[in-house]
PDB file of N, CA and C in Angstrom:
ATOM      1  N   MET A   1       0.847  -1.176   0.000  1.00  0.00           N
ATOM      2  CA  MET A   1       0.000   0.000   0.000  1.00  0.00           C
ATOM      3  C   MET A   1       0.893   1.239   0.000  1.00  0.00           C
ATOM      4  N   THR A   2       0.675   2.128  -0.928  1.00  0.00           N
ATOM      5  CA  THR A   2       1.437   3.373  -0.976  1.00  0.00           C
ATOM      6  C   THR A   2       0.690   4.456  -0.216  1.00  0.00           C
ATOM      7  N   HIS A   3       1.386   5.560   0.053  1.00  0.00           N
ATOM      8  CA  HIS A   3       0.748   6.638   0.817  1.00  0.00           C
ATOM      9  C   HIS A   3      -0.460   7.227   0.107  1.00  0.00           C
ATOM     10  N   THR A   4      -0.552   7.071  -1.216  1.00  0.00           N
ATOM     11  CA  THR A   4      -1.723   7.573  -1.930  1.00  0.00           C
ATOM     12  C   THR A   4      -2.938   6.681  -1.714  1.00  0.00           C
ATOM     13  N   ASP A   5      -2.734   5.464  -1.216  1.00  0.00           N
ATOM     14  CA  ASP A   5      -3.832   4.541  -0.947  1.00  0.00           C
ATOM     15  C   ASP A   5      -4.258   4.550   0.529  1.00  0.00           C
ATOM     16  N   TRP A   6      -3.559   5.300   1.356  1.00  0.00           N
ATOM     17  CA  TRP A   6      -3.875   5.322   2.784  1.00  0.00           C
ATOM     18  C   TRP A   6      -5.259   5.919   3.008  1.00  0.00           C
ATOM     19  N   PRO A   7      -5.968   5.408   4.005  1.00  0.00           N
ATOM     20  CA  PRO A   7      -7.298   5.959   4.282  1.00  0.00           C
ATOM     21  C   PRO A   7      -7.225   7.388   4.830  1.00  0.00           C
ATOM     22  N   LEU A   8      -8.316   8.102   4.660  1.00  0.00           N
ATOM     23  CA  LEU A   8      -8.437   9.472   5.144  1.00  0.00           C
ATOM     24  C   LEU A   8      -8.978   9.451   6.572  1.00  0.00           C
ATOM     25  N   TRP A   9      -8.388  10.250   7.446  1.00  0.00           N
ATOM     26  CA  TRP A   9      -8.792  10.350   8.853  1.00  0.00           C
ATOM     27  C   TRP A   9      -9.206  11.783   9.152  1.00  0.00           C
ATOM     28  N   GLU A  10     -10.263  11.948   9.931  1.00  0.00           N
ATOM     29  CA  GLU A  10     -10.692  13.267  10.390  1.00  0.00           C
ATOM     30  C   GLU A  10     -10.108  13.487  11.785  1.00  0.00           C
ATOM     31  N   VAL A  11      -9.599  14.684  12.030  1.00  0.00           N
ATOM     32  CA  VAL A  11      -8.907  14.995  13.277  1.00  0.00           C
ATOM     33  C   VAL A  11      -9.732  16.002  14.085  1.00  0.00           C
ATOM     34  N   PHE A  12      -9.924  15.683  15.368  1.00  0.00           N
ATOM     35  CA  PHE A  12     -10.635  16.563  16.297  1.00  0.00           C
ATOM     36  C   PHE A  12      -9.701  16.872  17.463  1.00  0.00           C
ATOM     37  N   VAL A  13      -9.625  18.152  17.832  1.00  0.00           N
ATOM     38  CA  VAL A  13      -8.717  18.596  18.885  1.00  0.00           C
ATOM     39  C   VAL A  13      -9.519  19.261  19.999  1.00  0.00           C
ATOM     40  N   ARG A  14      -9.176  18.922  21.239  1.00  0.00           N
ATOM     41  CA  ARG A  14      -9.718  19.651  22.397  1.00  0.00           C
ATOM     42  C   ARG A  14      -8.599  20.562  22.868  1.00  0.00           C
ATOM     43  N   SER A  15      -8.839  21.861  22.838  1.00  0.00           N
ATOM     44  CA  SER A  15      -7.770  22.808  23.147  1.00  0.00           C
ATOM     45  C   SER A  15      -7.514  22.953  24.645  1.00  0.00           C
ATOM     46  N   ARG A  16      -8.559  22.807  25.474  1.00  0.00           N
ATOM     47  CA  ARG A  16      -8.395  22.881  26.929  1.00  0.00           C
ATOM     48  C   ARG A  16      -9.380  21.940  27.576  1.00  0.00           C
ATOM     49  N   ARG A  17      -9.087  21.569  28.803  1.00  0.00           N
ATOM     50  CA  ARG A  17     -10.013  20.718  29.551  1.00  0.00           C
ATOM     51  C   ARG A  17     -11.345  21.434  29.711  1.00  0.00           C
ATOM     52  N   GLY A  18     -12.428  20.663  29.580  1.00  0.00           N
ATOM     53  CA  GLY A  18     -13.756  21.228  29.730  1.00  0.00           C
ATOM     54  C   GLY A  18     -14.363  21.727  28.435  1.00  0.00           C
ATOM     55  N   LEU A  19     -13.563  21.885  27.404  1.00  0.00           N
ATOM     56  CA  LEU A  19     -14.084  22.315  26.114  1.00  0.00           C
ATOM     57  C   LEU A  19     -14.382  21.091  25.254  1.00  0.00           C
ATOM     58  N   SER A  20     -15.156  21.288  24.227  1.00  0.00           N
ATOM     59  CA  SER A  20     -15.480  20.208  23.301  1.00  0.00           C
ATOM     60  C   SER A  20     -14.358  20.021  22.288  1.00  0.00           C
ATOM     61  N   HIS A  21     -14.272  18.825  21.738  1.00  0.00           N
ATOM     62  CA  HIS A  21     -13.366  18.603  20.616  1.00  0.00           C
ATOM     63  C   HIS A  21     -13.954  19.328  19.401  1.00  0.00           C
ATOM     64  N   THR A  22     -13.095  19.931  18.610  1.00  0.00           N
ATOM     65  CA  THR A  22     -13.533  20.586  17.379  1.00  0.00           C
ATOM     66  C   THR A  22     -12.746  20.014  16.210  1.00  0.00           C
ATOM     67  N   HIS A  23     -13.379  20.008  15.054  1.00  0.00           N
ATOM     68  CA  HIS A  23     -12.737  19.463  13.861  1.00  0.00           C
ATOM     69  C   HIS A  23     -11.582  20.373  13.464  1.00  0.00           C
ATOM     70  N   ALA A  24     -10.401  19.783  13.327  1.00  0.00           N
ATOM     71  CA  ALA A  24      -9.207  20.548  12.980  1.00  0.00           C
ATOM     72  C   ALA A  24      -8.810  20.354  11.523  1.00  0.00           C
ATOM     73  N   GLY A  25      -9.157  19.199  10.957  1.00  0.00           N
ATOM     74  CA  GLY A  25      -8.775  18.927   9.584  1.00  0.00           C
ATOM     75  C   GLY A  25      -8.725  17.443   9.304  1.00  0.00           C
ATOM     76  N   SER A  26      -8.064  17.095   8.220  1.00  0.00           N
ATOM     77  CA  SER A  26      -7.979  15.716   7.776  1.00  0.00           C
ATOM     78  C   SER A  26      -6.546  15.362   7.439  1.00  0.00           C
ATOM     79  N   LEU A  27      -6.251  14.071   7.445  1.00  0.00           N
ATOM     80  CA  LEU A  27      -4.936  13.595   7.023  1.00  0.00           C
ATOM     81  C   LEU A  27      -5.043  12.145   6.564  1.00  0.00           C
ATOM     82  N   HIS A  28      -4.051  11.715   5.814  1.00  0.00           N
ATOM     83  CA  HIS A  28      -3.972  10.323   5.365  1.00  0.00           C
ATOM     84  C   HIS A  28      -2.945   9.593   6.225  1.00  0.00           C
ATOM     85  N   ALA A  29      -3.286   8.374   6.632  1.00  0.00           N
ATOM     86  CA  ALA A  29      -2.364   7.546   7.416  1.00  0.00           C
ATOM     87  C   ALA A  29      -2.762   6.083   7.239  1.00  0.00           C
ATOM     88  N   PRO A  30      -1.804   5.155   7.382  1.00  0.00           N
ATOM     89  CA  PRO A  30      -2.115   3.743   7.164  1.00  0.00           C
ATOM     90  C   PRO A  30      -2.922   3.101   8.291  1.00  0.00           C
ATOM     91  N   ASP A  31      -2.817   3.640   9.526  1.00  0.00           N
ATOM     92  CA  ASP A  31      -3.553   3.046  10.650  1.00  0.00           C
ATOM     93  C   ASP A  31      -3.835   4.118  11.696  1.00  0.00           C
ATOM     94  N   ALA A  32      -4.616   3.752  12.719  1.00  0.00           N
ATOM     95  CA  ALA A  32      -5.054   4.710  13.737  1.00  0.00           C
ATOM     96  C   ALA A  32      -3.879   5.265  14.545  1.00  0.00           C
ATOM     97  N   GLU A  33      -2.926   4.421  14.888  1.00  0.00           N
ATOM     98  CA  GLU A  33      -1.791   4.882  15.694  1.00  0.00           C
ATOM     99  C   GLU A  33      -0.981   5.941  14.965  1.00  0.00           C
ATOM    100  N   LEU A  34      -0.683   5.694  13.699  1.00  0.00           N
ATOM    101  CA  LEU A  34       0.082   6.668  12.928  1.00  0.00           C
ATOM    102  C   LEU A  34      -0.760   7.908  12.647  1.00  0.00           C
ATOM    103  N   ALA A  35      -2.056   7.746  12.466  1.00  0.00           N
ATOM    104  CA  ALA A  35      -2.937   8.903  12.275  1.00  0.00           C
ATOM    105  C   ALA A  35      -2.900   9.794  13.510  1.00  0.00           C
ATOM    106  N   LEU A  36      -2.917   9.188  14.692  1.00  0.00           N
ATOM    107  CA  LEU A  36      -2.877   9.952  15.938  1.00  0.00           C
ATOM    108  C   LEU A  36      -1.548  10.686  16.088  1.00  0.00           C
ATOM    109  N   ARG A  37      -0.457  10.023  15.788  1.00  0.00           N
ATOM    110  CA  ARG A  37       0.860  10.673  15.872  1.00  0.00           C
ATOM    111  C   ARG A  37       0.996  11.806  14.860  1.00  0.00           C
ATOM    112  N   ASN A  38       0.543  11.557  13.632  1.00  0.00           N
ATOM    113  CA  ASN A  38       0.615  12.595  12.605  1.00  0.00           C
ATOM    114  C   ASN A  38      -0.290  13.779  12.959  1.00  0.00           C
ATOM    115  N   ALA A  39      -1.457  13.492  13.532  1.00  0.00           N
ATOM    116  CA  ALA A  39      -2.368  14.564  13.947  1.00  0.00           C
ATOM    117  C   ALA A  39      -1.721  15.412  15.034  1.00  0.00           C
ATOM    118  N   ARG A  40      -1.046  14.767  15.972  1.00  0.00           N
ATOM    119  CA  ARG A  40      -0.339  15.503  17.027  1.00  0.00           C
ATOM    120  C   ARG A  40       0.703  16.434  16.412  1.00  0.00           C
ATOM    121  N   ASP A  41       1.491  15.898  15.490  1.00  0.00           N
ATOM    122  CA  ASP A  41       2.557  16.690  14.883  1.00  0.00           C
ATOM    123  C   ASP A  41       2.021  17.813  14.004  1.00  0.00           C
ATOM    124  N   LEU A  42       0.908  17.562  13.343  1.00  0.00           N
ATOM    125  CA  LEU A  42       0.378  18.525  12.382  1.00  0.00           C
ATOM    126  C   LEU A  42      -0.527  19.578  13.020  1.00  0.00           C
ATOM    127  N   TYR A  43      -1.368  19.174  13.975  1.00  0.00           N
ATOM    128  CA  TYR A  43      -2.402  20.076  14.484  1.00  0.00           C
ATOM    129  C   TYR A  43      -2.158  20.602  15.894  1.00  0.00           C
ATOM    130  N   THR A  44      -1.114  20.144  16.575  1.00  0.00           N
ATOM    131  CA  THR A  44      -0.851  20.653  17.927  1.00  0.00           C
ATOM    132  C   THR A  44       0.620  21.027  18.086  1.00  0.00           C
ATOM    133  N   ARG A  45       1.201  21.609  17.085  1.00  0.00           N
ATOM    134  CA  ARG A  45       2.621  21.973  17.104  1.00  0.00           C
ATOM    135  C   ARG A  45       2.967  22.987  18.173  1.00  0.00           C
ATOM    136  N   ARG A  46       2.037  23.850  18.502  1.00  0.00           N
ATOM    137  CA  ARG A  46       2.315  24.908  19.476  1.00  0.00           C
ATOM    138  C   ARG A  46       1.681  24.617  20.830  1.00  0.00           C
ATOM    139  N   GLY A  47       1.376  23.362  21.103  1.00  0.00           N
ATOM    140  CA  GLY A  47       0.827  22.979  22.391  1.00  0.00           C
ATOM    141  C   GLY A  47      -0.610  23.401  22.594  1.00  0.00           C
ATOM    142  N   GLU A  48      -1.376  23.556  21.507  1.00  0.00           N
ATOM    143  CA  GLU A  48      -2.740  24.035  21.639  1.00  0.00           C
ATOM    144  C   GLU A  48      -3.758  22.952  21.980  1.00  0.00           C
ATOM    145  N   GLY A  49      -3.320  21.707  22.151  1.00  0.00           N
ATOM    146  CA  GLY A  49      -4.276  20.642  22.431  1.00  0.00           C
ATOM    147  C   GLY A  49      -3.976  19.858  23.687  1.00  0.00           C
ATOM    148  N   VAL A  50      -5.038  19.345  24.329  1.00  0.00           N
ATOM    149  CA  VAL A  50      -4.874  18.443  25.470  1.00  0.00           C
ATOM    150  C   VAL A  50      -5.406  17.060  25.141  1.00  0.00           C
ATOM    151  N   SER A  51      -6.143  16.936  24.022  1.00  0.00           N
ATOM    152  CA  SER A  51      -6.709  15.654  23.621  1.00  0.00           C
ATOM    153  C   SER A  51      -6.946  15.656  22.119  1.00  0.00           C
ATOM    154  N   LEU A  52      -6.726  14.505  21.508  1.00  0.00           N
ATOM    155  CA  LEU A  52      -6.947  14.340  20.066  1.00  0.00           C
ATOM    156  C   LEU A  52      -7.841  13.138  19.815  1.00  0.00           C
ATOM    157  N   TRP A  53      -8.710  13.260  18.835  1.00  0.00           N
ATOM    158  CA  TRP A  53      -9.460  12.123  18.303  1.00  0.00           C
ATOM    159  C   TRP A  53      -9.124  12.022  16.830  1.00  0.00           C
ATOM    160  N   VAL A  54      -8.915  10.813  16.342  1.00  0.00           N
ATOM    161  CA  VAL A  54      -8.818  10.563  14.906  1.00  0.00           C
ATOM    162  C   VAL A  54      -9.886   9.527  14.565  1.00  0.00           C
ATOM    163  N   VAL A  55     -10.634   9.809  13.533  1.00  0.00           N
ATOM    164  CA  VAL A  55     -11.756   8.961  13.131  1.00  0.00           C
ATOM    165  C   VAL A  55     -11.640   8.703  11.639  1.00  0.00           C
ATOM    166  N   PRO A  56     -11.761   7.433  11.226  1.00  0.00           N
ATOM    167  CA  PRO A  56     -11.743   7.193   9.778  1.00  0.00           C
ATOM    168  C   PRO A  56     -12.897   7.937   9.107  1.00  0.00           C
ATOM    169  N   SER A  57     -12.596   8.648   8.055  1.00  0.00           N
ATOM    170  CA  SER A  57     -13.643   9.393   7.352  1.00  0.00           C
ATOM    171  C   SER A  57     -14.762   8.486   6.889  1.00  0.00           C
ATOM    172  N   SER A  58     -14.422   7.246   6.569  1.00  0.00           N
ATOM    173  CA  SER A  58     -15.439   6.299   6.094  1.00  0.00           C
ATOM    174  C   SER A  58     -16.425   5.911   7.190  1.00  0.00           C
ATOM    175  N   ALA A  59     -16.095   6.184   8.465  1.00  0.00           N
ATOM    176  CA  ALA A  59     -16.984   5.845   9.577  1.00  0.00           C
ATOM    177  C   ALA A  59     -17.966   6.968   9.890  1.00  0.00           C
ATOM    178  N   ILE A  60     -17.844   8.098   9.222  1.00  0.00           N
ATOM    179  CA  ILE A  60     -18.713   9.247   9.489  1.00  0.00           C
ATOM    180  C   ILE A  60     -19.867   9.250   8.502  1.00  0.00           C
ATOM    181  N   THR A  61     -21.061   9.372   9.039  1.00  0.00           N
ATOM    182  CA  THR A  61     -22.261   9.516   8.219  1.00  0.00           C
ATOM    183  C   THR A  61     -22.767  10.934   8.424  1.00  0.00           C
ATOM    184  N   ALA A  62     -22.993  11.654   7.353  1.00  0.00           N
ATOM    185  CA  ALA A  62     -23.373  13.057   7.464  1.00  0.00           C
ATOM    186  C   ALA A  62     -24.564  13.371   6.580  1.00  0.00           C
ATOM    187  N   SER A  63     -25.311  14.381   6.972  1.00  0.00           N
ATOM    188  CA  SER A  63     -26.401  14.860   6.128  1.00  0.00           C
ATOM    189  C   SER A  63     -25.805  15.742   5.033  1.00  0.00           C
ATOM    190  N   SER A  64     -26.553  15.918   3.978  1.00  0.00           N
ATOM    191  CA  SER A  64     -26.103  16.729   2.856  1.00  0.00           C
ATOM    192  C   SER A  64     -26.632  18.154   3.002  1.00  0.00           C
ATOM    193  N   PRO A  65     -25.793  19.169   2.794  1.00  0.00           N
ATOM    194  CA  PRO A  65     -26.291  20.549   2.847  1.00  0.00           C
ATOM    195  C   PRO A  65     -27.391  20.806   1.815  1.00  0.00           C
ATOM    196  N   ASP A  66     -27.378  20.072   0.721  1.00  0.00           N
ATOM    197  CA  ASP A  66     -28.415  20.241  -0.304  1.00  0.00           C
ATOM    198  C   ASP A  66     -29.779  19.779   0.187  1.00  0.00           C
ATOM    199  N   GLU A  67     -29.806  18.894   1.177  1.00  0.00           N
ATOM    200  CA  GLU A  67     -31.070  18.372   1.706  1.00  0.00           C
ATOM    201  C   GLU A  67     -31.435  19.028   3.035  1.00  0.00           C
ATOM    202  N   LYS A  68     -30.885  20.206   3.296  1.00  0.00           N
ATOM    203  CA  LYS A  68     -31.077  20.882   4.578  1.00  0.00           C
ATOM    204  C   LYS A  68     -32.553  21.075   4.918  1.00  0.00           C
ATOM    205  N   ASP A  69     -33.320  21.644   3.997  1.00  0.00           N
ATOM    206  CA  ASP A  69     -34.721  21.941   4.303  1.00  0.00           C
ATOM    207  C   ASP A  69     -35.549  20.704   4.610  1.00  0.00           C
ATOM    208  N   PRO A  70     -35.560  19.677   3.764  1.00  0.00           N
ATOM    209  CA  PRO A  70     -36.382  18.514   4.111  1.00  0.00           C
ATOM    210  C   PRO A  70     -35.847  17.717   5.300  1.00  0.00           C
ATOM    211  N   PHE A  71     -34.536  17.717   5.499  1.00  0.00           N
ATOM    212  CA  PHE A  71     -33.959  16.928   6.580  1.00  0.00           C
ATOM    213  C   PHE A  71     -34.260  17.530   7.953  1.00  0.00           C
ATOM    214  N   PHE A  72     -34.138  18.861   8.070  1.00  0.00           N
ATOM    215  CA  PHE A  72     -34.311  19.518   9.360  1.00  0.00           C
ATOM    216  C   PHE A  72     -35.724  20.054   9.585  1.00  0.00           C
ATOM    217  N   GLU A  73     -36.597  19.953   8.604  1.00  0.00           N
ATOM    218  CA  GLU A  73     -37.957  20.476   8.733  1.00  0.00           C
ATOM    219  C   GLU A  73     -38.731  19.891   9.914  1.00  0.00           C
ATOM    220  N   PRO A  74     -38.640  18.587  10.218  1.00  0.00           N
ATOM    221  CA  PRO A  74     -39.404  18.064  11.363  1.00  0.00           C
ATOM    222  C   PRO A  74     -39.079  18.752  12.684  1.00  0.00           C
ATOM    223  N   ALA A  75     -37.902  19.284  12.851  1.00  0.00           N
ATOM    224  CA  ALA A  75     -37.539  19.953  14.103  1.00  0.00           C
ATOM    225  C   ALA A  75     -38.187  21.327  14.218  1.00  0.00           C
ATOM    226  N   ALA A  76     -38.594  21.912  13.098  1.00  0.00           N
ATOM    227  CA  ALA A  76     -39.162  23.252  13.121  1.00  0.00           C
ATOM    228  C   ALA A  76     -40.540  23.296  13.775  1.00  0.00           C
ATOM    229  N   ASP A  77     -41.242  22.174  13.817  1.00  0.00           N
ATOM    230  CA  ASP A  77     -42.588  22.180  14.388  1.00  0.00           C
ATOM    231  C   ASP A  77     -42.592  21.821  15.881  1.00  0.00           C
ATOM    232  N   LYS A  78     -41.468  21.945  16.543  1.00  0.00           N
ATOM    233  CA  LYS A  78     -41.363  21.640  17.977  1.00  0.00           C
ATOM    234  C   LYS A  78     -40.836  22.870  18.714  1.00  0.00           C
ATOM    235  N   PRO A  79     -41.680  23.898  18.882  1.00  0.00           N
ATOM    236  CA  PRO A  79     -41.188  25.136  19.501  1.00  0.00           C
ATOM    237  C   PRO A  79     -40.783  24.961  20.961  1.00  0.00           C
ATOM    238  N   TYR A  80     -41.258  23.911  21.604  1.00  0.00           N
ATOM    239  CA  TYR A  80     -40.906  23.713  23.002  1.00  0.00           C
ATOM    240  C   TYR A  80     -39.428  23.382  23.187  1.00  0.00           C
ATOM    241  N   ARG A  81     -38.727  23.060  22.116  1.00  0.00           N
ATOM    242  CA  ARG A  81     -37.293  22.775  22.229  1.00  0.00           C
ATOM    243  C   ARG A  81     -36.473  24.035  22.446  1.00  0.00           C
ATOM    244  N   HIS A  82     -37.044  25.169  22.119  1.00  0.00           N
ATOM    245  CA  HIS A  82     -36.342  26.436  22.271  1.00  0.00           C
ATOM    246  C   HIS A  82     -37.133  27.307  23.239  1.00  0.00           C
ATOM    247  N   PRO A  83     -36.594  27.603  24.402  1.00  0.00           N
ATOM    248  CA  PRO A  83     -37.340  28.338  25.425  1.00  0.00           C
ATOM    249  C   PRO A  83     -37.434  29.832  25.151  1.00  0.00           C
ATOM    250  N   THR A  84     -37.870  30.199  23.957  1.00  0.00           N
ATOM    251  CA  THR A  84     -37.951  31.614  23.609  1.00  0.00           C
ATOM    252  C   THR A  84     -39.224  32.265  24.129  1.00  0.00           C
ATOM    253  N   PHE A  85     -40.213  31.490  24.529  1.00  0.00           N
ATOM    254  CA  PHE A  85     -41.475  32.082  24.972  1.00  0.00           C
ATOM    255  C   PHE A  85     -41.667  31.999  26.482  1.00  0.00           C
ATOM    256  N   TYR A  86     -40.637  31.571  27.213  1.00  0.00           N
ATOM    257  CA  TYR A  86     -40.703  31.540  28.669  1.00  0.00           C
ATOM    258  C   TYR A  86     -40.201  32.868  29.221  1.00  0.00           C
ATOM    259  N   GLU A  87     -40.850  33.326  30.268  1.00  0.00           N
ATOM    260  CA  GLU A  87     -40.356  34.508  30.958  1.00  0.00           C
ATOM    261  C   GLU A  87     -39.530  34.044  32.148  1.00  0.00           C
ATOM    262  N   ILE A  88     -38.355  34.587  32.280  1.00  0.00           N
ATOM    263  CA  ILE A  88     -37.482  34.214  33.392  1.00  0.00           C
ATOM    264  C   ILE A  88     -37.837  35.097  34.586  1.00  0.00           C
ATOM    265  N   PRO A  89     -38.180  34.477  35.718  1.00  0.00           N
ATOM    266  CA  PRO A  89     -38.539  35.271  36.891  1.00  0.00           C
ATOM    267  C   PRO A  89     -37.372  36.131  37.365  1.00  0.00           C
ATOM    268  N   GLU A  90     -37.717  37.274  37.874  1.00  0.00           N
ATOM    269  CA  GLU A  90     -36.694  38.196  38.371  1.00  0.00           C
ATOM    270  C   GLU A  90     -35.993  37.541  39.566  1.00  0.00           C
ATOM    271  N   GLY A  91     -34.728  37.692  39.645  1.00  0.00           N
ATOM    272  CA  GLY A  91     -33.969  37.107  40.735  1.00  0.00           C
ATOM    273  C   GLY A  91     -33.353  35.759  40.397  1.00  0.00           C
ATOM    274  N   VAL A  92     -33.787  35.142  39.317  1.00  0.00           N
ATOM    275  CA  VAL A  92     -33.201  33.881  38.891  1.00  0.00           C
ATOM    276  C   VAL A  92     -31.960  34.208  38.067  1.00  0.00           C
ATOM    277  N   ARG A  93     -30.825  33.790  38.558  1.00  0.00           N
ATOM    278  CA  ARG A  93     -29.582  34.173  37.897  1.00  0.00           C
ATOM    279  C   ARG A  93     -29.144  33.183  36.835  1.00  0.00           C
ATOM    280  N   HIS A  94     -29.247  31.905  37.110  1.00  0.00           N
ATOM    281  CA  HIS A  94     -28.764  30.891  36.173  1.00  0.00           C
ATOM    282  C   HIS A  94     -29.881  29.874  35.937  1.00  0.00           C
ATOM    283  N   LEU A  95     -30.430  29.896  34.783  1.00  0.00           N
ATOM    284  CA  LEU A  95     -31.514  28.974  34.457  1.00  0.00           C
ATOM    285  C   LEU A  95     -31.103  28.071  33.336  1.00  0.00           C
TER     286      LEU A  95
END
């Protein structure tokens, strides 16, 4: 297997404890261990990460931006998911 045949991996970096992992980019590597090492070298050169995830791109299932309206339309008819019509009582600091 040559490097042009290596699978594509998606890289997620957590910059500090308590924060979520965010997508940093992609890279090609022959296996998970080398993908993790390459991700460390490529995406955390200045010490900006405390945790890395590498995921084979083939394992990710995603919706298509072209199908945005029909895919997300069922969520639009559930206004109770967004508390925009609740009044917050005075004196309540963190709700």
